[in-house]
C-alpha atoms as a PDB file:
ATOM      1  CA  MET A   1     -11.155 -25.845   0.937  1.00  0.00           C
ATOM      2  CA  LYS A   2     -12.716 -24.455  -2.234  1.00  0.00           C
ATOM      3  CA  LYS A   3     -16.429 -23.730  -2.518  1.00  0.00           C
ATOM      4  CA  SER A   4     -18.969 -21.909  -4.654  1.00  0.00           C
ATOM      5  CA  PHE A   5     -21.577 -19.568  -3.155  1.00  0.00           C
ATOM      6  CA  SER A   6     -24.436 -17.517  -4.460  1.00  0.00           C
ATOM      7  CA  LYS A   7     -24.304 -13.791  -3.867  1.00  0.00           C
ATOM      8  CA  GLU A   8     -27.005 -14.107  -1.207  1.00  0.00           C
ATOM      9  CA  GLN A   9     -25.106 -16.862   0.615  1.00  0.00           C
ATOM     10  CA  PHE A  10     -21.872 -14.892   0.583  1.00  0.00           C
ATOM     11  CA  ASN A  11     -23.594 -11.756   1.887  1.00  0.00           C
ATOM     12  CA  SER A  12     -25.083 -13.757   4.748  1.00  0.00           C
ATOM     13  CA  ILE A  13     -21.603 -14.992   5.639  1.00  0.00           C
ATOM     14  CA  LEU A  14     -20.223 -11.436   5.557  1.00  0.00           C
ATOM     15  CA  LEU A  15     -23.019 -10.268   7.823  1.00  0.00           C
ATOM     16  CA  GLU A  16     -22.183 -13.008  10.303  1.00  0.00           C
ATOM     17  CA  LEU A  17     -18.450 -12.243  10.098  1.00  0.00           C
ATOM     18  CA  SER A  18     -19.128  -8.560  10.757  1.00  0.00           C
ATOM     19  CA  LYS A  19     -20.075  -9.452  14.334  1.00  0.00           C
ATOM     20  CA  GLU A  20     -16.441 -10.399  15.001  1.00  0.00           C
ATOM     21  CA  TYR A  21     -14.621  -8.433  12.295  1.00  0.00           C
ATOM     22  CA  ASP A  22     -14.622  -4.939  10.900  1.00  0.00           C
ATOM     23  CA  ILE A  23     -14.667  -5.703   7.177  1.00  0.00           C
ATOM     24  CA  TYR A  24     -12.740  -3.295   4.943  1.00  0.00           C
ATOM     25  CA  ALA A  25     -12.840  -3.143   1.157  1.00  0.00           C
ATOM     26  CA  PRO A  26     -12.649  -0.604  -1.694  1.00  0.00           C
ATOM     27  CA  VAL A  27     -15.807   1.537  -1.700  1.00  0.00           C
ATOM     28  CA  THR A  28     -16.995   4.342  -3.965  1.00  0.00           C
ATOM     29  CA  LEU A  29     -17.319   7.899  -2.660  1.00  0.00           C
ATOM     30  CA  PRO A  30     -19.283   9.809  -5.335  1.00  0.00           C
ATOM     31  CA  PHE A  31     -17.763  13.094  -6.565  1.00  0.00           C
ATOM     32  CA  LYS A  32     -14.840  12.903  -4.120  1.00  0.00           C
ATOM     33  CA  GLY A  33     -12.200  12.132  -6.748  1.00  0.00           C
ATOM     34  CA  MET A  34      -9.268  14.079  -8.148  1.00  0.00           C
ATOM     35  CA  PHE A  35     -11.619  16.160 -10.292  1.00  0.00           C
ATOM     36  CA  SER A  36     -14.977  17.596  -9.282  1.00  0.00           C
ATOM     37  CA  ASP A  37     -17.011  15.180 -11.408  1.00  0.00           C
ATOM     38  CA  THR A  38     -15.087  11.996 -10.553  1.00  0.00           C
ATOM     39  CA  ASP A  39     -15.513   9.428  -7.812  1.00  0.00           C
ATOM     40  CA  LEU A  40     -12.967   8.372  -5.212  1.00  0.00           C
ATOM     41  CA  ILE A  41     -12.326   4.678  -4.601  1.00  0.00           C
ATOM     42  CA  LYS A  42     -10.863   4.151  -1.153  1.00  0.00           C
ATOM     43  CA  TYR A  43     -11.093   1.712   1.741  1.00  0.00           C
ATOM     44  CA  GLY A  44     -14.110   1.763   4.034  1.00  0.00           C
ATOM     45  CA  LYS A  45     -16.188  -0.567   6.184  1.00  0.00           C
ATOM     46  CA  VAL A  46     -18.627  -2.848   4.347  1.00  0.00           C
ATOM     47  CA  ASN A  47     -21.176  -5.505   5.206  1.00  0.00           C
ATOM     48  CA  SER A  48     -22.124  -6.801   1.755  1.00  0.00           C
ATOM     49  CA  LEU A  49     -20.716  -7.383  -1.730  1.00  0.00           C
ATOM     50  CA  ASP A  50     -22.899  -4.598  -3.138  1.00  0.00           C
ATOM     51  CA  GLU A  51     -20.864  -2.034  -1.219  1.00  0.00           C
ATOM     52  CA  ILE A  52     -17.523  -3.203  -2.676  1.00  0.00           C
ATOM     53  CA  ASN A  53     -16.124  -1.752  -5.895  1.00  0.00           C
ATOM     54  CA  PHE A  54     -14.486  -4.712  -7.634  1.00  0.00           C
ATOM     55  CA  SER A  55     -14.160  -3.119 -11.076  1.00  0.00           C
ATOM     56  CA  LYS A  56     -11.799  -0.210 -10.351  1.00  0.00           C
ATOM     57  CA  LYS A  57      -8.439   0.183  -8.670  1.00  0.00           C
ATOM     58  CA  SER A  58      -8.673   1.876  -5.294  1.00  0.00           C
ATOM     59  CA  PHE A  59      -6.983   5.290  -5.226  1.00  0.00           C
ATOM     60  CA  TYR A  60      -5.566   4.589  -1.767  1.00  0.00           C
ATOM     61  CA  SER A  61      -4.262   1.159  -0.823  1.00  0.00           C
ATOM     62  CA  ALA A  62      -5.315  -1.029   2.085  1.00  0.00           C
ATOM     63  CA  LYS A  63      -2.363   0.384   4.056  1.00  0.00           C
ATOM     64  CA  GLU A  64      -4.525   2.799   6.020  1.00  0.00           C
ATOM     65  CA  THR A  65      -6.493  -0.096   7.534  1.00  0.00           C
ATOM     66  CA  MET A  66      -3.220  -1.205   9.157  1.00  0.00           C
ATOM     67  CA  ILE A  67      -1.370   2.080   9.630  1.00  0.00           C
ATOM     68  CA  PRO A  68      -3.862   4.922  10.173  1.00  0.00           C
ATOM     69  CA  MET A  69      -2.999   8.181   8.447  1.00  0.00           C
ATOM     70  CA  ASN A  70      -3.347   9.887  11.823  1.00  0.00           C
ATOM     71  CA  GLN A  71      -2.680   7.591  14.789  1.00  0.00           C
ATOM     72  CA  VAL A  72      -2.710   8.436  18.491  1.00  0.00           C
ATOM     73  CA  LEU A  73       0.341   6.885  20.151  1.00  0.00           C
ATOM     74  CA  PHE A  74      -0.406   7.971  23.704  1.00  0.00           C
ATOM     75  CA  HIS A  75      -2.222  10.526  25.843  1.00  0.00           C
ATOM     76  CA  PHE A  76      -0.256  12.535  28.391  1.00  0.00           C
ATOM     77  CA  ASN A  77      -0.626  14.938  31.304  1.00  0.00           C
ATOM     78  CA  GLU A  78       1.768  16.505  33.822  1.00  0.00           C
ATOM     79  CA  LYS A  79       2.393  13.212  35.631  1.00  0.00           C
ATOM     80  CA  GLU A  80       1.993  10.294  33.236  1.00  0.00           C
ATOM     81  CA  PHE A  81       1.200   9.017  29.760  1.00  0.00           C
ATOM     82  CA  LYS A  82      -1.204   6.291  28.705  1.00  0.00           C
ATOM     83  CA  GLU A  83      -1.508   4.374  25.460  1.00  0.00           C
ATOM     84  CA  PRO A  84      -4.984   4.136  23.902  1.00  0.00           C
ATOM     85  CA  ALA A  85      -6.888   0.892  24.336  1.00  0.00           C
ATOM     86  CA  LEU A  86      -6.433  -1.675  21.604  1.00  0.00           C
ATOM     87  CA  LYS A  87      -9.209  -2.053  19.077  1.00  0.00           C
ATOM     88  CA  GLU A  88     -11.609  -4.743  20.275  1.00  0.00           C
ATOM     89  CA  LYS A  89     -12.814  -6.090  16.925  1.00  0.00           C
ATOM     90  CA  LYS A  90     -10.560  -7.874  14.458  1.00  0.00           C
ATOM     91  CA  SER A  91     -10.199  -6.697  10.852  1.00  0.00           C
ATOM     92  CA  LEU A  92     -10.907  -8.564   7.623  1.00  0.00           C
ATOM     93  CA  VAL A  93      -9.426  -6.755   4.624  1.00  0.00           C
ATOM     94  CA  PHE A  94     -10.305  -7.315   0.953  1.00  0.00           C
ATOM     95  CA  LEU A  95      -7.305  -6.545  -1.254  1.00  0.00           C
ATOM     96  CA  ARG A  96      -5.483  -7.638  -4.379  1.00  0.00           C
ATOM     97  CA  SER A  97      -2.320  -9.688  -4.685  1.00  0.00           C
ATOM     98  CA  CYS A  98      -0.017  -6.683  -5.125  1.00  0.00           C
ATOM     99  CA  ASP A  99      -1.367  -5.087  -1.946  1.00  0.00           C
ATOM    100  CA  LEU A 100      -0.930  -8.291   0.051  1.00  0.00           C
ATOM    101  CA  HIS A 101       2.699  -8.350  -1.091  1.00  0.00           C
ATOM    102  CA  SER A 102       2.976  -4.776   0.194  1.00  0.00           C
ATOM    103  CA  VAL A 103       2.058  -6.013   3.688  1.00  0.00           C
ATOM    104  CA  LYS A 104       5.126  -8.268   3.678  1.00  0.00           C
ATOM    105  CA  LYS A 105       7.277  -5.321   2.611  1.00  0.00           C
ATOM    106  CA  LEU A 106       5.897  -3.162   5.417  1.00  0.00           C
ATOM    107  CA  ASP A 107       6.580  -6.026   7.826  1.00  0.00           C
ATOM    108  CA  ASN A 108      10.272  -5.656   6.971  1.00  0.00           C
ATOM    109  CA  ILE A 109      10.174  -1.966   7.855  1.00  0.00           C
ATOM    110  CA  TYR A 110       8.131  -2.215  11.034  1.00  0.00           C
ATOM    111  CA  LEU A 111       8.988  -5.672  12.393  1.00  0.00           C
ATOM    112  CA  ASN A 112      12.255  -6.891  10.865  1.00  0.00           C
ATOM    113  CA  ASN A 113      14.268  -3.698  10.994  1.00  0.00           C
ATOM    114  CA  LYS A 114      16.337  -4.076  14.184  1.00  0.00           C
ATOM    115  CA  PHE A 115      13.447  -2.910  16.394  1.00  0.00           C
ATOM    116  CA  ALA A 116       9.800  -3.953  16.148  1.00  0.00           C
ATOM    117  CA  ASP A 117       7.155  -1.219  16.085  1.00  0.00           C
ATOM    118  CA  LYS A 118       4.697  -2.006  18.893  1.00  0.00           C
ATOM    119  CA  TYR A 119       1.714  -0.239  17.341  1.00  0.00           C
ATOM    120  CA  TYR A 120       2.109  -1.964  13.988  1.00  0.00           C
ATOM    121  CA  SER A 121       2.725  -5.312  15.669  1.00  0.00           C
ATOM    122  CA  ASP A 122      -0.440  -4.985  17.784  1.00  0.00           C
ATOM    123  CA  ALA A 123      -2.511  -4.082  14.733  1.00  0.00           C
ATOM    124  CA  MET A 124      -1.219  -6.960  12.602  1.00  0.00           C
ATOM    125  CA  LYS A 125      -2.134  -9.579  15.195  1.00  0.00           C
ATOM    126  CA  ASN A 126      -5.819  -8.994  14.515  1.00  0.00           C
ATOM    127  CA  ILE A 127      -5.905  -8.676  10.711  1.00  0.00           C
ATOM    128  CA  LYS A 128      -6.816 -11.335   8.162  1.00  0.00           C
ATOM    129  CA  TYR A 129      -6.895 -10.960   4.385  1.00  0.00           C
ATOM    130  CA  VAL A 130      -9.277 -11.753   1.562  1.00  0.00           C
ATOM    131  CA  VAL A 131      -7.457 -11.663  -1.774  1.00  0.00           C
ATOM    132  CA  ILE A 132      -9.586 -10.529  -4.711  1.00  0.00           C
ATOM    133  CA  GLY A 133      -8.964 -12.330  -7.991  1.00  0.00           C
ATOM    134  CA  CYS A 134      -7.485  -9.962 -10.560  1.00  0.00           C
ATOM    135  CA  LYS A 135      -7.526 -11.070 -14.206  1.00  0.00           C
ATOM    136  CA  THR A 136      -6.133  -8.108 -16.131  1.00  0.00           C
ATOM    137  CA  GLY A 137      -5.108  -5.276 -13.833  1.00  0.00           C
ATOM    138  CA  TRP A 138      -5.151  -1.737 -15.240  1.00  0.00           C
ATOM    139  CA  ASP A 139      -3.073   0.225 -17.754  1.00  0.00           C
ATOM    140  CA  SER A 140      -0.820   1.716 -15.060  1.00  0.00           C
ATOM    141  CA  CYS A 141      -0.112  -1.629 -13.361  1.00  0.00           C
ATOM    142  CA  PHE A 142       3.226  -3.422 -13.740  1.00  0.00           C
ATOM    143  CA  CYS A 143       2.875  -6.056 -11.019  1.00  0.00           C
ATOM    144  CA  THR A 144       4.205  -8.877 -13.233  1.00  0.00           C
ATOM    145  CA  SER A 145       7.516  -7.012 -13.560  1.00  0.00           C
ATOM    146  CA  MET A 146       7.735  -6.748  -9.766  1.00  0.00           C
ATOM    147  CA  GLY A 147       6.652 -10.342  -9.099  1.00  0.00           C
ATOM    148  CA  THR A 148       3.597  -9.339  -7.064  1.00  0.00           C
ATOM    149  CA  ASN A 149       0.867 -10.456  -9.459  1.00  0.00           C
ATOM    150  CA  LYS A 150       0.306 -13.772  -7.655  1.00  0.00           C
ATOM    151  CA  THR A 151       0.160 -14.933  -4.053  1.00  0.00           C
ATOM    152  CA  GLU A 152      -0.808 -17.976  -2.013  1.00  0.00           C
ATOM    153  CA  GLU A 153      -0.430 -16.315   1.382  1.00  0.00           C
ATOM    154  CA  TYR A 154      -4.035 -15.291   1.961  1.00  0.00           C
ATOM    155  CA  ASN A 155      -6.606 -16.387   4.502  1.00  0.00           C
ATOM    156  CA  ILE A 156      -9.423 -16.344   1.972  1.00  0.00           C
ATOM    157  CA  GLY A 157      -9.349 -15.933  -1.803  1.00  0.00           C
ATOM    158  CA  ILE A 158     -12.321 -15.012  -3.980  1.00  0.00           C
ATOM    159  CA  SER A 159     -12.924 -15.125  -7.726  1.00  0.00           C
ATOM    160  CA  PHE A 160     -16.095 -14.792  -9.771  1.00  0.00           C
ATOM    161  CA  ASP A 161     -17.843 -17.176 -12.152  1.00  0.00           C
ATOM    162  CA  GLU A 162     -20.953 -15.698 -13.755  1.00  0.00           C
ATOM    163  CA  ASP A 163     -23.298 -15.219 -10.782  1.00  0.00           C
ATOM    164  CA  ASN A 164     -21.314 -17.305  -8.301  1.00  0.00           C
ATOM    165  CA  ILE A 165     -18.624 -16.373  -5.794  1.00  0.00           C
ATOM    166  CA  LEU A 166     -15.748 -18.856  -5.824  1.00  0.00           C
ATOM    167  CA  VAL A 167     -14.031 -18.990  -2.463  1.00  0.00           C
ATOM    168  CA  ASP A 168     -10.711 -20.576  -1.481  1.00  0.00           C
ATOM    169  CA  ILE A 169     -10.683 -20.849   2.324  1.00  0.00           C
ATOM    170  CA  LYS A 170      -7.097 -21.486   3.411  1.00  0.00           C
ATOM    171  CA  ASP A 171      -7.539 -20.435   7.030  1.00  0.00           C
ATOM    172  CA  GLU A 172      -9.255 -23.126   9.113  1.00  0.00           C
ATOM    173  CA  THR A 173     -10.568 -20.381  11.366  1.00  0.00           C
ATOM    174  CA  PHE A 174     -13.175 -19.636   8.680  1.00  0.00           C
ATOM    175  CA  HIS A 175     -14.209 -23.196   7.797  1.00  0.00           C
ATOM    176  CA  GLU A 176     -17.264 -23.049  10.036  1.00  0.00           C
ATOM    177  CA  ASN A 177     -18.360 -19.707   8.543  1.00  0.00           C
ATOM    178  CA  PHE A 178     -18.198 -21.209   5.054  1.00  0.00           C
ATOM    179  CA  SER A 179     -19.742 -24.564   5.944  1.00  0.00           C
ATOM    180  CA  THR A 180     -22.533 -24.070   3.379  1.00  0.00           C
ATOM    181  CA  GLY A 181     -21.974 -23.752  -0.370  1.00  0.00           C
ATOM    182  CA  GLU A 182     -20.945 -26.355  -2.917  1.00  0.00           C
ATOM    183  CA  ILE A 183     -17.510 -27.939  -3.144  1.00  0.00           C
ATOM    184  CA  CYS A 184     -15.837 -26.947  -6.398  1.00  0.00           C
ATOM    185  CA  ASP A 185     -12.414 -26.757  -7.993  1.00  0.00           C
ATOM    186  CA  PHE A 186     -11.043 -23.571  -9.515  1.00  0.00           C
ATOM    187  CA  ASN A 187      -7.894 -21.537  -9.875  1.00  0.00           C
ATOM    188  CA  MET A 188      -7.653 -18.036  -8.520  1.00  0.00           C
ATOM    189  CA  ASP A 189      -7.617 -15.319 -11.175  1.00  0.00           C
ATOM    190  CA  PHE A 190      -4.229 -13.623 -11.241  1.00  0.00           C
ATOM    191  CA  VAL A 191      -2.711 -11.240 -13.765  1.00  0.00           C
ATOM    192  CA  GLU A 192      -0.451 -13.032 -16.248  1.00  0.00           C
ATOM    193  CA  THR A 193       0.834  -9.987 -18.159  1.00  0.00           C
ATOM    194  CA  ASN A 194       0.577  -6.214 -17.993  1.00  0.00           C
ATOM    195  CA  LYS A 195       0.422  -3.575 -20.667  1.00  0.00           C
ATOM    196  CA  GLU A 196       3.618  -2.170 -19.135  1.00  0.00           C
ATOM    197  CA  ILE A 197       6.573  -4.554 -18.873  1.00  0.00           C
ATOM    198  CA  LEU A 198       9.608  -3.133 -17.105  1.00  0.00           C
ATOM    199  CA  GLU A 199      13.202  -4.235 -16.807  1.00  0.00           C
ATOM    200  CA  ILE A 200      14.332  -3.369 -13.296  1.00  0.00           C
ATOM    201  CA  PRO A 201      18.056  -2.509 -13.076  1.00  0.00           C
ATOM    202  CA  GLU A 202      20.058  -4.584 -10.611  1.00  0.00           C
ATOM    203  CA  ASN A 203      23.034  -3.602  -8.457  1.00  0.00           C
ATOM    204  CA  ILE A 204      22.763   0.105  -9.180  1.00  0.00           C
ATOM    205  CA  LYS A 205      25.681   2.189  -7.982  1.00  0.00           C
ATOM    206  CA  LEU A 206      24.559   5.503  -6.548  1.00  0.00           C
ATOM    207  CA  THR A 207      27.679   7.194  -7.929  1.00  0.00           C
ATOM    208  CA  ASP A 208      26.560   6.191 -11.437  1.00  0.00           C
ATOM    209  CA  VAL A 209      23.116   7.755 -11.175  1.00  0.00           C
ATOM    210  CA  ILE A 210      23.216  10.531  -8.585  1.00  0.00           C
ATOM    211  CA  ASP A 211      24.068  13.300 -11.067  1.00  0.00           C
ATOM    212  CA  LEU A 212      22.204  12.064 -14.139  1.00  0.00           C
ATOM    213  CA  PRO A 213      20.609  14.923 -16.130  1.00  0.00           C
ATOM    214  CA  MET A 214      17.333  12.953 -16.233  1.00  0.00           C
ATOM    215  CA  TRP A 215      16.566  13.914 -12.626  1.00  0.00           C
ATOM    216  CA  ARG A 216      16.203  17.562 -13.684  1.00  0.00           C
ATOM    217  CA  ASP A 217      13.154  16.507 -15.732  1.00  0.00           C
ATOM    218  CA  TYR A 218      11.396  15.946 -12.404  1.00  0.00           C
ATOM    219  CA  ASP A 219      12.033  19.382 -10.949  1.00  0.00           C
ATOM    220  CA  ARG A 220       8.516  20.160 -12.163  1.00  0.00           C
ATOM    221  CA  CYS A 221       7.239  18.076  -9.220  1.00  0.00           C
ATOM    222  CA  ILE A 222       5.215  20.374  -6.955  1.00  0.00           C
ATOM    223  CA  ALA A 223       6.139  18.438  -3.778  1.00  0.00           C
ATOM    224  CA  CYS A 224       2.553  17.601  -2.850  1.00  0.00           C
ATOM    225  CA  GLY A 225       3.489  14.108  -1.623  1.00  0.00           C
ATOM    226  CA  ARG A 226       0.415  12.517  -3.128  1.00  0.00           C
ATOM    227  CA  CYS A 227       2.470   9.708  -4.717  1.00  0.00           C
ATOM    228  CA  ASN A 228       3.751   8.713  -1.264  1.00  0.00           C
ATOM    229  CA  PHE A 229       0.317   8.770   0.349  1.00  0.00           C
ATOM    230  CA  VAL A 230      -1.263   6.458  -2.225  1.00  0.00           C
ATOM    231  CA  CYS A 231       1.742   4.107  -2.235  1.00  0.00           C
ATOM    232  CA  PRO A 232       1.086   0.832  -0.356  1.00  0.00           C
ATOM    233  CA  THR A 233       4.705   0.544   0.844  1.00  0.00           C
ATOM    234  CA  CYS A 234       5.718   4.106   1.763  1.00  0.00           C
ATOM    235  CA  SER A 235       6.180   4.205   5.531  1.00  0.00           C
ATOM    236  CA  CYS A 236       7.591   7.634   6.409  1.00  0.00           C
ATOM    237  CA  SER A 237       5.883   9.470   9.242  1.00  0.00           C
ATOM    238  CA  THR A 238       6.317  12.371  11.613  1.00  0.00           C
ATOM    239  CA  THR A 239       5.012  13.011  15.127  1.00  0.00           C
ATOM    240  CA  GLN A 240       2.770  15.795  16.378  1.00  0.00           C
ATOM    241  CA  ASP A 241       2.007  16.784  19.950  1.00  0.00           C
ATOM    242  CA  VAL A 242      -1.535  18.100  20.247  1.00  0.00           C
ATOM    243  CA  PHE A 243      -2.267  20.084  23.391  1.00  0.00           C
ATOM    244  CA  TYR A 244      -5.814  20.438  24.659  1.00  0.00           C
ATOM    245  CA  LYS A 245      -7.134  23.971  24.948  1.00  0.00           C
ATOM    246  CA  ASP A 246      -8.462  23.644  28.493  1.00  0.00           C
ATOM    247  CA  ASN A 247      -5.034  22.577  29.808  1.00  0.00           C
ATOM    248  CA  GLU A 248      -1.881  23.025  27.748  1.00  0.00           C
ATOM    249  CA  ASN A 249      -0.062  20.411  29.821  1.00  0.00           C
ATOM    250  CA  VAL A 250      -2.490  17.724  28.706  1.00  0.00           C
ATOM    251  CA  GLY A 251      -2.721  16.284  25.216  1.00  0.00           C
ATOM    252  CA  GLU A 252      -1.807  13.471  22.897  1.00  0.00           C
ATOM    253  CA  ARG A 253       1.066  12.474  20.640  1.00  0.00           C
ATOM    254  CA  ARG A 254       0.164  11.398  17.132  1.00  0.00           C
ATOM    255  CA  ARG A 255       2.019   9.603  14.370  1.00  0.00           C
ATOM    256  CA  VAL A 256       1.096  11.156  11.024  1.00  0.00           C
ATOM    257  CA  TRP A 257       1.979  10.029   7.510  1.00  0.00           C
ATOM    258  CA  ALA A 258       4.761  12.089   5.941  1.00  0.00           C
ATOM    259  CA  SER A 259       6.436  12.255   2.539  1.00  0.00           C
ATOM    260  CA  CYS A 260      10.014  12.386   1.276  1.00  0.00           C
ATOM    261  CA  HIS A 261       8.749  14.651  -1.528  1.00  0.00           C
ATOM    262  CA  VAL A 262       7.431  17.513   0.591  1.00  0.00           C
ATOM    263  CA  ASP A 263       9.385  20.605   1.600  1.00  0.00           C
ATOM    264  CA  GLU A 264      11.249  20.477   4.936  1.00  0.00           C
ATOM    265  CA  PHE A 265      11.044  16.680   5.205  1.00  0.00           C
ATOM    266  CA  THR A 266      14.829  16.579   5.532  1.00  0.00           C
ATOM    267  CA  SER A 267      15.205  19.873   7.429  1.00  0.00           C
ATOM    268  CA  MET A 268      17.810  19.901  10.184  1.00  0.00           C
ATOM    269  CA  ALA A 269      18.632  22.196  13.069  1.00  0.00           C
ATOM    270  CA  GLY A 270      20.266  25.316  11.692  1.00  0.00           C
ATOM    271  CA  GLY A 271      18.092  25.349   8.590  1.00  0.00           C
ATOM    272  CA  HIS A 272      20.050  22.911   6.408  1.00  0.00           C
ATOM    273  CA  GLU A 273      17.889  20.724   4.172  1.00  0.00           C
ATOM    274  CA  PHE A 274      18.969  17.783   2.050  1.00  0.00           C
ATOM    275  CA  ARG A 275      17.503  17.367  -1.447  1.00  0.00           C
ATOM    276  CA  LYS A 276      16.058  20.832  -1.969  1.00  0.00           C
ATOM    277  CA  LYS A 277      15.340  20.133  -5.637  1.00  0.00           C
ATOM    278  CA  THR A 278      12.231  18.049  -6.195  1.00  0.00           C
ATOM    279  CA  GLY A 279      13.996  16.076  -8.925  1.00  0.00           C
ATOM    280  CA  ASP A 280      16.495  14.913  -6.320  1.00  0.00           C
ATOM    281  CA  ARG A 281      13.607  13.790  -4.129  1.00  0.00           C
ATOM    282  CA  MET A 282      12.289  11.787  -7.076  1.00  0.00           C
ATOM    283  CA  ARG A 283      15.703  10.145  -7.368  1.00  0.00           C
ATOM    284  CA  PHE A 284      15.697   9.319  -3.654  1.00  0.00           C
ATOM    285  CA  LYS A 285      12.269   7.690  -3.831  1.00  0.00           C
ATOM    286  CA  VAL A 286      12.988   5.693  -6.981  1.00  0.00           C
ATOM    287  CA  MET A 287      16.331   4.427  -5.707  1.00  0.00           C
ATOM    288  CA  HIS A 288      14.751   3.407  -2.412  1.00  0.00           C
ATOM    289  CA  LYS A 289      11.942   1.517  -4.157  1.00  0.00           C
ATOM    290  CA  ILE A 290      14.028  -0.491  -6.613  1.00  0.00           C
ATOM    291  CA  SER A 291      17.542  -0.585  -5.166  1.00  0.00           C
ATOM    292  CA  ASP A 292      18.248   0.407  -1.552  1.00  0.00           C
ATOM    293  CA  TYR A 293      15.409  -1.625  -0.034  1.00  0.00           C
ATOM    294  CA  LYS A 294      16.355  -4.720  -2.025  1.00  0.00           C
ATOM    295  CA  LYS A 295      19.975  -4.519  -0.887  1.00  0.00           C
ATOM    296  CA  ARG A 296      18.700  -4.626   2.669  1.00  0.00           C
ATOM    297  CA  PHE A 297      15.762  -7.043   2.523  1.00  0.00           C
ATOM    298  CA  GLY A 298      16.274  -9.001  -0.718  1.00  0.00           C
ATOM    299  CA  THR A 299      13.119  -7.847  -2.492  1.00  0.00           C
ATOM    300  CA  HIS A 300      11.987  -4.724  -4.273  1.00  0.00           C
ATOM    301  CA  MET A 301       9.921  -2.291  -2.224  1.00  0.00           C
ATOM    302  CA  CYS A 302       7.737  -1.301  -5.185  1.00  0.00           C
ATOM    303  CA  THR A 303       4.817  -3.646  -5.908  1.00  0.00           C
ATOM    304  CA  GLY A 304       3.931  -2.273  -9.346  1.00  0.00           C
ATOM    305  CA  CYS A 305       0.421  -1.177  -8.352  1.00  0.00           C
ATOM    306  CA  GLY A 306       0.772   2.036 -10.399  1.00  0.00           C
ATOM    307  CA  ARG A 307      -1.054   4.244  -7.920  1.00  0.00           C
ATOM    308  CA  CYS A 308       1.675   6.904  -7.993  1.00  0.00           C
ATOM    309  CA  GLU A 309       1.242   6.946 -11.761  1.00  0.00           C
ATOM    310  CA  ASP A 310      -2.494   7.584 -11.353  1.00  0.00           C
ATOM    311  CA  ALA A 311      -2.261  10.161  -8.568  1.00  0.00           C
ATOM    312  CA  CYS A 312       0.336  12.682  -9.733  1.00  0.00           C
ATOM    313  CA  PRO A 313      -1.254  16.073 -10.575  1.00  0.00           C
ATOM    314  CA  GLU A 314       1.785  16.898 -12.741  1.00  0.00           C
ATOM    315  CA  TYR A 315       1.426  13.636 -14.705  1.00  0.00           C
ATOM    316  CA  ILE A 316       4.926  12.548 -13.739  1.00  0.00           C
ATOM    317  CA  SER A 317       5.323   8.936 -14.818  1.00  0.00           C
ATOM    318  CA  TYR A 318       7.132   6.614 -12.432  1.00  0.00           C
ATOM    319  CA  ILE A 319       7.047   3.950 -15.136  1.00  0.00           C
ATOM    320  CA  GLU A 320       8.819   6.167 -17.669  1.00  0.00           C
ATOM    321  CA  CYS A 321      11.319   7.155 -14.989  1.00  0.00           C
ATOM    322  CA  ILE A 322      12.241   3.490 -14.445  1.00  0.00           C
ATOM    323  CA  LYS A 323      12.610   3.011 -18.201  1.00  0.00           C
ATOM    324  CA  LYS A 324      14.923   6.027 -18.494  1.00  0.00           C
ATOM    325  CA  LEU A 325      16.956   4.896 -15.502  1.00  0.00           C
ATOM    326  CA  THR A 326      17.316   1.399 -16.958  1.00  0.00           C
ATOM    327  CA  VAL A 327      18.717   2.843 -20.182  1.00  0.00           C
ATOM    328  CA  GLU A 328      21.207   4.968 -18.245  1.00  0.00           C
ATOM    329  CA  VAL A 329      22.307   2.112 -15.970  1.00  0.00           C
ATOM    330  CA  ASN A 330      22.783  -0.269 -18.908  1.00  0.00           C
ATOM    331  CA  LYS A 331      24.725   2.417 -20.716  1.00  0.00           C
ATOM    332  CA  LYS A 332      27.007   2.892 -17.698  1.00  0.00           C
ATOM    333  CA  LYS A 333      27.578  -0.866 -17.434  1.00  0.00           C
ATOM    334  CA  GLY A 334      28.438  -0.989 -21.137  1.00  0.00           C
ATOM    335  CA  ASP A 335      30.908   1.868 -20.772  1.00  0.00           C
ATOM    336  CA  ASN A 336      32.547   0.174 -17.782  1.00  0.00           C
ATOM    337  CA  ASN A 337      32.951  -3.100 -19.696  1.00  0.00           C
ATOM    338  CA  GLU A 338      34.740  -1.475 -22.628  1.00  0.00           C
END
């Protein structure tokens, strides 16, 4: 069902939906950005269109609405443990096509990976998605190369036509909420081409790339892990036991986002650590995003959102890394065919 609504009509619908759903969308936090005079665009609760930033890419993805950066798994004392109560309200998340594709990729990690993660599974049962039409993307996007620029798997889709909100309601659950408005026909706005077009190497052999000199270019990485935190498909985490001060036998266990780039991520008993050089950590991440994951699940892990490109304080370009790797892989294939 496709309909057209005025801004006032759509806001009234959002207000009504907020009684049943926590509505999340990109919002602007003034002067909270990477530099002191820049804003931060991240996900927060909203109740109207005026609160949503549609014009800029969010620094963080919608991932934290599904997988909290700091999540309590259970509370414990000397005798027992207890899981926290499930969130009562459902969630309605505004996001773009690339980020909705990232949800499917996280599903593979948390639900289709031998064992299902209970906490993720519980959260996903109560989430629905509003895909935001995206005409052009941004300079750092390469979603067309990754095949994530378009999607039909949304509950609601919205595009804009002058002063009207064009809404594609696929989920019958919302038909009553959108019973007003005028019937119309339109196509969702999706990116057709990006400024950056990448060739993604296929069937990469680790032995061909593990010792490439190009990885030493990335030893300048400072191991902050910011690229992993802004990535919509990174899923690494660690656990922390927090003990309460009044009784050290009582506390809570938390799951906290972690990063394959940071020091001691691969530390083992006895002090051994894999991938001490940050360039090797870059290699690990890149290979996982465009090769290892695909061998396992049949699709690339990277969605081409470009957030890692935007976030790196050392201006390390993931895009340029892929281009260099492609040249090296093609060169190796050519040498092997001679």
